[in-house]
């Protein structure tokens, strides 16, 4: 893949529902990606309500309109990004658009909303989208897909590493060595910040998340409830596995809030995430391997402190921040999907079968022409 450097935009809207992330990258082959600029187009309250409504069910007209609106929100993010970077759209080779997952039920279906044609028309470039469906059709979970970026870009060249993403859901990738798929293991561990945010919003309706971890810091963990929640069969299932808000979403947060109201419920949700992540890392990866964390959960002091404590107890795993090694961790998934778009356009597989459970490596995504 020796060629001139390629400029592209990667877009990601994840299970945290905080906004549309857009990353401008320069790719010099599949193992060399440079982040040039990054923005998040935050979701307004009414937009977040529309997304939550879609996640819990919706009629065909509202889902169809949301499909187009997501394309428009993505276009706004790209416009802001290009203005910030002073780059005209004509210099882009492609846009990689993940869309918004509104239903994830492997092996039956995974469904992302977001009309790529809106972006192709607005910017006059190819758009790669619908990344997950092909892996699902090949017998996989359709998730996680970021492990390909973990393998090619973010693993260590000389030691094993665990890459942890703390989004709405939490997922980990264990990579023995950079650019080597042998021995790779990746899977969702369960909730990331989705339950923390969901309970926090019920404690204080003015919040959509636990800003600076203040609510959790003022509460006390109900350890009996945590122990009961950790008995969920999902946590005991072996990898590969994936999950989403269908299982760990608003209904789950509402039930937890009903049992443990107030700041105690937020603290309990933090404990659930920290323990479920640490126990998964301790169970499925070798002792002593460093864990490099990214995602919105890294901004929650209480979650990071609990994770550090439980990871040390679960096998002596040191915890580091992605931003200390690479670039701001909030941009990681958008960068990863830019890489996946690049691989699609070059006819290269984007899934890691050991991570998704697919029958084999597959070229992912669909291309909307410029």
Protein backbone atom coordinates (compact mmCIF):
# COMPACT_ATOMS: atom_id res chain seq x y z
CA UNK A 1 0.00 0.00 0.00
CA UNK A 2 2.77 2.45 -0.90
CA UNK A 3 1.00 5.64 -1.94
CA UNK A 4 0.72 9.31 -1.25
CA UNK A 5 -0.68 10.25 2.17
CA UNK A 6 -4.47 10.28 2.23
CA UNK A 7 -6.63 12.85 4.01
CA UNK A 8 -9.90 11.51 5.40
CA UNK A 9 -12.53 12.12 8.05
CA UNK A 10 -13.74 9.49 10.52
CA UNK A 11 -17.10 9.95 12.25
CA UNK A 12 -18.38 8.21 15.35
CA UNK A 13 -21.55 8.47 17.42
CA UNK A 14 -21.38 5.97 20.24
CA UNK A 15 -23.53 4.51 22.97
CA UNK A 16 -22.78 7.41 25.32
CA UNK A 17 -25.05 9.61 23.14
CA UNK A 18 -23.01 12.72 23.92
CA UNK A 19 -22.41 13.87 20.35
CA UNK A 20 -20.96 13.25 16.90
CA UNK A 21 -17.16 12.92 16.94
CA UNK A 22 -15.23 13.92 13.81
CA UNK A 23 -11.51 13.31 13.27
CA UNK A 24 -9.41 14.58 10.36
CA UNK A 25 -6.55 12.19 9.74
CA UNK A 26 -3.63 11.70 7.39
CA UNK A 27 -3.09 8.05 6.48
CA UNK A 28 0.24 6.86 5.07
CA UNK A 29 -0.74 3.22 4.83
CA UNK A 30 -2.70 1.12 7.33
CA UNK A 31 -0.12 1.34 10.12
CA UNK A 32 0.58 5.08 10.01
CA UNK A 33 -2.27 7.43 10.90
CA UNK A 34 -1.81 11.00 12.12
CA UNK A 35 -4.61 12.93 13.83
CA UNK A 36 -4.70 16.46 12.40
CA UNK A 37 -7.85 17.87 14.00
CA UNK A 38 -10.79 16.74 16.09
CA UNK A 39 -14.19 18.14 17.07
CA UNK A 40 -17.33 16.91 18.78
CA UNK A 41 -20.69 18.21 17.65
CA UNK A 42 -22.64 17.89 20.94
CA UNK A 43 -26.21 16.65 20.85
CA UNK A 44 -28.82 19.10 22.06
CA UNK A 45 -31.26 17.86 24.68
CA UNK A 46 -34.07 17.32 22.16
CA UNK A 47 -31.69 15.45 19.84
CA UNK A 48 -30.63 13.17 22.69
CA UNK A 49 -34.31 12.58 23.50
CA UNK A 50 -34.91 11.57 19.87
CA UNK A 51 -32.01 9.12 20.01
CA UNK A 52 -33.15 7.61 23.29
CA UNK A 53 -36.66 7.22 21.87
CA UNK A 54 -35.24 5.35 18.89
CA UNK A 55 -33.25 3.07 21.19
CA UNK A 56 -36.38 2.06 23.07
CA UNK A 57 -38.55 1.68 19.96
CA UNK A 58 -40.11 4.02 17.44
CA UNK A 59 -42.49 4.19 14.53
CA UNK A 60 -41.25 4.02 10.96
CA UNK A 61 -41.72 7.75 10.15
CA UNK A 62 -39.74 8.92 13.20
CA UNK A 63 -36.93 6.43 12.56
CA UNK A 64 -36.76 7.40 8.88
CA UNK A 65 -36.54 11.10 9.74
CA UNK A 66 -33.89 10.41 12.39
CA UNK A 67 -31.89 8.49 9.77
CA UNK A 68 -31.64 11.68 7.69
CA UNK A 69 -31.16 13.97 10.68
CA UNK A 70 -28.15 11.94 11.81
CA UNK A 71 -26.64 12.44 8.37
CA UNK A 72 -27.20 16.17 8.74
CA UNK A 73 -25.65 16.24 12.23
CA UNK A 74 -22.66 14.38 10.83
CA UNK A 75 -22.37 16.94 8.03
CA UNK A 76 -22.38 19.76 10.59
CA UNK A 77 -19.55 18.03 12.46
CA UNK A 78 -17.52 17.66 9.26
CA UNK A 79 -18.09 21.30 8.30
CA UNK A 80 -16.88 22.49 11.71
CA UNK A 81 -13.87 20.18 11.51
CA UNK A 82 -12.80 21.37 8.06
CA UNK A 83 -13.17 25.02 9.01
CA UNK A 84 -11.09 24.43 12.13
CA UNK A 85 -8.39 22.65 10.10
CA UNK A 86 -8.63 25.07 7.14
CA UNK A 87 -9.00 22.17 4.73
CA UNK A 88 -11.40 22.31 1.73
CA UNK A 89 -13.61 19.25 1.14
CA UNK A 90 -11.92 18.73 -2.23
CA UNK A 91 -8.77 17.56 -0.42
CA UNK A 92 -10.58 14.66 1.27
CA UNK A 93 -10.29 11.17 -0.19
CA UNK A 94 -13.28 9.84 1.76
CA UNK A 95 -15.45 10.10 4.85
CA UNK A 96 -15.99 7.07 7.10
CA UNK A 97 -19.38 7.26 8.81
CA UNK A 98 -20.28 4.77 11.52
CA UNK A 99 -23.75 6.18 12.20
CA UNK A 100 -25.67 5.58 15.41
CA UNK A 101 -26.42 2.06 16.59
CA UNK A 102 -30.07 1.87 17.62
CA UNK A 103 -30.40 -1.89 17.86
CA UNK A 104 -27.71 -4.53 18.33
CA UNK A 105 -28.95 -8.11 18.52
CA UNK A 106 -26.35 -10.56 17.22
CA UNK A 107 -26.57 -12.94 15.47
CA UNK A 108 -29.88 -11.58 14.12
CA UNK A 109 -29.21 -7.92 13.36
CA UNK A 110 -27.17 -4.82 14.06
CA UNK A 111 -28.68 -1.54 12.86
CA UNK A 112 -27.03 1.85 12.51
CA UNK A 113 -28.96 4.97 11.48
CA UNK A 114 -27.39 7.81 9.49
CA UNK A 115 -27.85 8.56 5.78
CA UNK A 116 -24.43 8.56 4.03
CA UNK A 117 -25.87 10.15 0.88
CA UNK A 118 -26.27 13.42 2.80
CA UNK A 119 -22.49 13.53 3.33
CA UNK A 120 -21.67 12.47 -0.24
CA UNK A 121 -23.85 15.28 -1.62
CA UNK A 122 -22.65 17.91 0.83
CA UNK A 123 -18.92 17.33 0.40
CA UNK A 124 -18.55 15.61 -2.96
CA UNK A 125 -16.46 12.70 -1.63
CA UNK A 126 -16.95 8.98 -1.20
CA UNK A 127 -18.57 7.86 2.04
CA UNK A 128 -17.94 4.46 3.62
CA UNK A 129 -20.68 3.35 6.02
CA UNK A 130 -22.61 0.34 7.37
CA UNK A 131 -19.45 -1.27 8.73
CA UNK A 132 -20.97 -3.89 11.03
CA UNK A 133 -23.43 -5.76 8.82
CA UNK A 134 -20.92 -7.82 6.84
CA UNK A 135 -19.25 -9.22 9.94
CA UNK A 136 -22.67 -10.19 11.31
CA UNK A 137 -23.55 -11.89 8.02
CA UNK A 138 -20.31 -13.86 8.33
CA UNK A 139 -21.40 -15.24 11.70
CA UNK A 140 -19.80 -12.57 13.86
CA UNK A 141 -21.11 -10.22 16.52
CA UNK A 142 -20.58 -7.17 14.31
CA UNK A 143 -18.62 -5.77 17.26
CA UNK A 144 -16.19 -4.72 18.48
CA UNK A 145 -14.56 -3.30 15.33
CA UNK A 146 -12.04 -0.93 16.91
CA UNK A 147 -9.68 -3.89 17.58
CA UNK A 148 -8.29 -3.62 14.04
CA UNK A 149 -7.04 -0.13 14.92
CA UNK A 150 -5.75 -1.47 18.24
CA UNK A 151 -3.75 -4.11 16.39
CA UNK A 152 -2.38 -1.86 13.64
CA UNK A 153 -1.95 1.46 15.46
CA UNK A 154 -2.13 1.38 19.24
CA UNK A 155 -0.59 -1.88 20.45
CA UNK A 156 2.97 -1.95 21.74
CA UNK A 157 5.76 -3.12 19.44
CA UNK A 158 7.60 -4.94 22.20
CA UNK A 159 5.12 -5.99 24.93
CA UNK A 160 1.50 -7.09 25.35
CA UNK A 161 -1.08 -4.37 25.93
CA UNK A 162 -4.78 -4.14 26.77
CA UNK A 163 -6.65 -1.29 25.09
CA UNK A 164 -9.75 -0.33 27.09
CA UNK A 165 -12.56 1.85 25.75
CA UNK A 166 -14.90 3.37 28.33
CA UNK A 167 -17.78 4.57 26.18
CA UNK A 168 -21.45 3.91 26.86
CA UNK A 169 -20.37 0.28 26.87
CA UNK A 170 -16.89 -0.87 27.86
CA UNK A 171 -14.74 -3.07 25.67
CA UNK A 172 -11.19 -4.35 25.75
CA UNK A 173 -8.65 -5.54 23.18
CA UNK A 174 -5.67 -7.65 24.22
CA UNK A 175 -2.85 -7.50 21.65
CA UNK A 176 0.40 -9.44 22.19
CA UNK A 177 2.35 -7.32 19.66
CA UNK A 178 1.56 -4.50 17.24
CA UNK A 179 0.47 -5.51 13.72
CA UNK A 180 0.09 -9.18 14.73
CA UNK A 181 -3.40 -10.68 14.92
CA UNK A 182 -2.26 -13.94 16.46
CA UNK A 183 -3.37 -14.16 20.08
CA UNK A 184 -5.63 -11.10 19.87
CA UNK A 185 -8.70 -11.17 22.12
CA UNK A 186 -11.37 -8.47 22.15
CA UNK A 187 -14.88 -8.20 23.57
CA UNK A 188 -17.39 -6.02 25.38
CA UNK A 189 -17.11 -6.30 29.15
CA UNK A 190 -20.53 -4.73 29.84
CA UNK A 191 -21.60 -1.22 30.79
CA UNK A 192 -19.16 1.67 30.59
CA UNK A 193 -20.72 5.02 31.42
CA UNK A 194 -24.24 4.28 30.16
CA UNK A 195 -25.59 3.16 33.53
CA UNK A 196 -23.64 5.83 35.44
CA UNK A 197 -25.08 8.52 33.17
CA UNK A 198 -28.56 7.01 33.23
CA UNK A 199 -28.75 6.97 37.03
CA UNK A 200 -27.17 10.45 37.32
CA UNK A 201 -29.85 11.87 35.00
CA UNK A 202 -32.54 10.47 37.27
CA UNK A 203 -30.94 11.85 40.40
CA UNK A 204 -30.61 15.33 38.89
CA UNK A 205 -32.74 16.07 35.81
CA UNK A 206 -30.45 18.98 34.93
CA UNK A 207 -27.65 16.54 34.17
CA UNK A 208 -27.10 14.10 31.32
CA UNK A 209 -24.04 12.62 33.06
CA UNK A 210 -22.17 12.72 36.37
CA UNK A 211 -20.01 15.80 35.74
CA UNK A 212 -16.59 15.48 37.39
CA UNK A 213 -17.89 12.46 39.31
CA UNK A 214 -19.49 14.68 41.94
CA UNK A 215 -22.65 12.63 42.49
CA UNK A 216 -20.76 9.36 42.82
CA UNK A 217 -18.29 10.98 45.22
CA UNK A 218 -21.15 12.00 47.52
CA UNK A 219 -22.73 8.54 47.54
CA UNK A 220 -22.01 5.16 49.10
CA UNK A 221 -21.80 1.91 47.17
CA UNK A 222 -24.43 -0.75 47.86
CA UNK A 223 -22.12 -3.76 47.62
CA UNK A 224 -24.97 -6.26 47.92
CA UNK A 225 -26.65 -4.80 44.83
CA UNK A 226 -23.34 -4.78 42.94
CA UNK A 227 -22.80 -8.46 43.74
CA UNK A 228 -26.30 -9.27 42.51
CA UNK A 229 -25.84 -7.28 39.30
CA UNK A 230 -22.55 -9.01 38.58
CA UNK A 231 -24.38 -12.35 38.60
CA UNK A 232 -25.88 -11.40 35.22
CA UNK A 233 -25.06 -14.22 32.80
CA UNK A 234 -23.44 -11.79 30.35
CA UNK A 235 -20.45 -11.26 32.62
CA UNK A 236 -19.74 -15.01 32.82
CA UNK A 237 -19.99 -15.62 29.07
CA UNK A 238 -16.66 -16.26 27.33
CA UNK A 239 -15.47 -14.01 24.48
CA UNK A 240 -16.25 -13.15 21.74
CA UNK A 241 -19.30 -11.26 22.97
CA UNK A 242 -20.87 -7.85 22.57
CA UNK A 243 -23.69 -5.91 24.12
CA UNK A 244 -25.40 -2.53 24.06
CA UNK A 245 -28.15 -0.36 25.46
CA UNK A 246 -30.67 -3.09 24.66
CA UNK A 247 -29.32 -4.84 27.76
CA UNK A 248 -27.49 -2.13 29.71
CA UNK A 249 -29.49 0.99 28.90
CA UNK A 250 -32.13 3.32 30.26
CA UNK A 251 -34.44 0.59 31.56
CA UNK A 252 -31.52 -0.99 33.44
CA UNK A 253 -30.56 2.42 34.89
CA UNK A 254 -34.15 3.08 35.94
CA UNK A 255 -34.32 -0.24 37.80
CA UNK A 256 -31.02 0.46 39.57
CA UNK A 257 -32.18 3.95 40.53
CA UNK A 258 -35.38 2.48 41.92
CA UNK A 259 -33.42 0.11 44.14
CA UNK A 260 -30.62 2.49 45.14
CA UNK A 261 -31.88 6.07 44.81
CA UNK A 262 -29.85 9.26 44.96
CA UNK A 263 -26.06 9.59 44.79
CA UNK A 264 -25.73 6.08 46.27
CA UNK A 265 -27.13 4.73 43.00
CA UNK A 266 -24.54 6.62 40.96
CA UNK A 267 -21.74 5.34 43.20
CA UNK A 268 -23.12 1.82 42.83
CA UNK A 269 -23.17 2.16 39.03
CA UNK A 270 -19.54 3.29 39.08
CA UNK A 271 -18.63 0.25 41.15
CA UNK A 272 -20.46 -2.05 38.73
CA UNK A 273 -18.52 -0.71 35.75
CA UNK A 274 -15.14 -0.77 37.50
CA UNK A 275 -15.54 -4.28 38.85
CA UNK A 276 -16.98 -5.79 35.67
CA UNK A 277 -14.12 -4.34 33.60
CA UNK A 278 -11.41 -5.34 36.05
CA UNK A 279 -12.77 -8.86 36.51
CA UNK A 280 -12.95 -9.37 32.74
CA UNK A 281 -9.37 -8.16 32.27
CA UNK A 282 -8.18 -10.31 35.16
CA UNK A 283 -9.96 -13.39 33.88
CA UNK A 284 -9.10 -13.24 30.18
CA UNK A 285 -5.68 -11.56 29.91
CA UNK A 286 -2.26 -12.38 31.38
CA UNK A 287 -1.26 -10.83 34.70
CA UNK A 288 0.75 -7.65 34.74
CA UNK A 289 -0.19 -6.39 31.28
CA UNK A 290 -0.71 -2.63 31.14
CA UNK A 291 -4.22 -1.34 30.43
CA UNK A 292 -4.49 1.81 28.30
CA UNK A 293 -7.85 3.53 28.72
CA UNK A 294 -9.73 5.91 26.43
CA UNK A 295 -13.32 7.10 26.08
CA UNK A 296 -15.64 9.33 28.06
CA UNK A 297 -15.26 7.30 31.24
CA UNK A 298 -11.69 8.59 31.56
CA UNK A 299 -13.17 11.95 32.57
CA UNK A 300 -14.84 10.42 35.64
CA UNK A 301 -12.34 10.60 38.54
CA UNK A 302 -14.19 8.08 40.69
CA UNK A 303 -14.41 5.51 37.92
CA UNK A 304 -10.73 5.81 37.07
CA UNK A 305 -9.71 5.55 40.74
CA UNK A 306 -11.86 2.44 41.23
CA UNK A 307 -10.57 0.89 38.02
CA UNK A 308 -6.97 1.46 39.03
CA UNK A 309 -7.60 -0.22 42.37
CA UNK A 310 -9.50 -3.21 40.99
CA UNK A 311 -7.16 -3.77 38.04
CA UNK A 312 -4.22 -3.93 40.42
CA UNK A 313 -6.07 -6.47 42.54
CA UNK A 314 -7.19 -8.52 39.52
CA UNK A 315 -3.71 -9.35 38.33
CA UNK A 316 -1.37 -6.44 38.85
CA UNK A 317 -2.50 -4.54 35.76
CA UNK A 318 -1.21 -0.95 35.70
CA UNK A 319 -3.67 1.62 34.29
CA UNK A 320 -2.54 4.32 31.86
CA UNK A 321 -4.39 6.93 29.86
CA UNK A 322 -4.47 6.70 26.08
CA UNK A 323 -3.78 10.44 25.84
CA UNK A 324 -0.43 9.98 27.61
CA UNK A 325 0.77 7.73 24.77
CA UNK A 326 -0.99 8.97 21.65
CA UNK A 327 -3.55 11.76 21.22
CA UNK A 328 -6.71 12.76 23.14
CA UNK A 329 -8.59 9.55 23.84
CA UNK A 330 -11.97 11.05 22.92
CA UNK A 331 -10.83 10.96 19.27
CA UNK A 332 -9.77 7.33 19.22
CA UNK A 333 -12.93 5.72 17.84
CA UNK A 334 -13.38 8.33 15.10
CA UNK A 335 -9.77 7.73 14.06
CA UNK A 336 -10.37 3.99 14.14
CA UNK A 337 -13.29 4.26 11.73
CA UNK A 338 -11.22 6.42 9.39
CA UNK A 339 -8.75 3.52 9.30
CA UNK A 340 -11.58 1.04 8.67
CA UNK A 341 -12.82 3.20 5.77
CA UNK A 342 -9.32 3.21 4.33
CA UNK A 343 -9.14 -0.58 4.55
CA UNK A 344 -12.54 -0.93 2.85
CA UNK A 345 -11.52 1.24 -0.09
CA UNK A 346 -8.31 -0.76 -0.47
CA UNK A 347 -10.12 -4.10 -0.41
CA UNK A 348 -8.59 -5.08 2.92
CA UNK A 349 -10.41 -6.81 5.83
CA UNK A 350 -11.52 -4.60 8.69
CA UNK A 351 -12.69 -7.17 11.22
CA UNK A 352 -10.63 -9.26 13.60
CA UNK A 353 -12.37 -12.67 13.63
CA UNK A 354 -10.96 -13.50 17.06
CA UNK A 355 -12.73 -10.39 18.36
CA UNK A 356 -16.08 -10.70 16.61
CA UNK A 357 -16.41 -14.46 16.13
CA UNK A 358 -16.88 -14.16 12.37
CA UNK A 359 -16.06 -17.13 10.16
CA UNK A 360 -13.15 -15.23 8.68
CA UNK A 361 -11.69 -11.88 7.72
CA UNK A 362 -14.08 -9.70 5.71
CA UNK A 363 -13.94 -6.41 3.84
CA UNK A 364 -16.45 -4.25 5.71
CA UNK A 365 -18.83 -1.47 4.79
CA UNK A 366 -20.65 -0.03 1.82
CA UNK A 367 -19.47 2.83 -0.39
CA UNK A 368 -21.64 5.76 -1.46
CA UNK A 369 -19.98 7.34 -4.51
CA UNK A 370 -18.90 10.97 -4.53
